[in-house]
Amino acid sequence: MPKNSEKTGYGQDVVFTTLPIGEPTVTTSAVTDITQHTATCGGNVTADGGSTVTERGLCWSTNPNPTISNSHQSSGGGTGQFTLQLTNLAGNTTYHVRAYAKNNEKTGYGDDVTFNTLAPPPPTGAISGLFTINNSGDQVYFSQGNLQYQASTDTWRFAENQWDFVGGGNENISSTYYGWIDLFGWGTSGYDHGATCYQPWSTSTYDYNYYAYANPNFNLYDGSGQADWGYNAISNGGNQENLWRTLTASEWEYILNTRPGCRYAMASITGIGSGLILLPDDWDESIYPLFDVNQTGYCSFNNINAQGWSTYFEPYGVVFLCYTGYREGTSFTFSSNTYIAGYWSSDSGIVFGFNGPNHNGYPYFDPHQQGGANHIGHSVRLVQDYSRH
């Protein structure tokens, strides 16, 4: 543009267009150091999109492809690598995380990376496996063994092992017995909830004496909830009242008949005993192949040695419901030819049970609720809700 003392001259008009500002380019790193409530992740901003990167960071959600409208955390601005720790995560949950980068006009995202936070350790007195109990996805832990009671010290405990049971000792049931019992009439929690028979040692031949809150239509969880054995402080199960509870009939049904995948199988464990094994929600069939899984009626025992049980089953949260016999009055029944077990639900007179081998050596299992006489002594296997832990 030349200019003299009087005039200014101009050259030709040349048209040009500035480049549009694009999204920054960013990648998402692998997730590391995952715990129950935290995880470490990061990203790398490799291009700014034509404008200075003013903010970069991570965004995460339980839904795919999270954005900065979800939970997010910033790691300053500029290009290059960055690392952040995600905190306040829920345990035992699948998360999606993406790195992001913002310039003056646009936001770019890296790939969606998924990870699972760790489940919390099981509560005191529980087995590690989780079992879904309804269509809402609620889960429970099973206690480490069947419930037991000592009258002379008024002490409740869980059996040390899943296969432990008292057997004939239940015939000594009384208010002063110094041994342990593990077969109970329905609703015999030891709290006076209105039934005539509410003590653990109560015996009667009349079911109506066991009505919780003196009402035949009430279940253990009705009224004050004191009729449930889990209302007690379990000495080796946290030793606080109301930590544990009895499954409802519908929850037993869901565990046995509705959950997807492998749910149960009959098993005979060398040196331990025979009964039903319940497989947790995340059971991997490749861990130990089983036959007659989820089979009703007559089926075969899976013969497992003690080492196999301790290596492939218990560490993975498998529950073992053993044959325990039953008690009527002070008479105990347990036959080597017709083993039987019944486990109470919290619904009046409803048990879930299975019979031992018939004359052909095959056990019989009907995974549906059975009408049980309230006065018959059956086993109690308590659960703790995952949401409480």
Foldseek 3Di string as FASTA:
>chain_A
DDDDPPDDDDDDDDDDDDDDQAAFDKAKAAWDPFAFFKIKIKMFGPGHRPFWWQWKWKFKDLDWDDDPVGDIDTDGTGGGIDMDMGGRHHGQGKMWMWIWIDGPPDIDIHHIDIDHHHHDQDAFQWFRFWFQQDPVRWIWTWGQDFWKAALQVRAIAGPPHHLDADFLVLLVQDNNHGDMHFWAFQLQLVDPQCALHNHRSDFDPALCSRCGNSDLQDFCCPDPNSSFNQQAQHPRRNRHGPQWGFAAQSRLCCQLPPQPDFAKDWAQEPPRATAMKGAGNPDDCVLDPDPCTSPAFWDAHHYHYPVRCVPRPRNRRIHGNHQHFKDHGSDTDADPAWTKAWEDGRGPQWTAMWIAQHPVRTTGHDSHIDGHRSNMTHIYIIIGISVVD
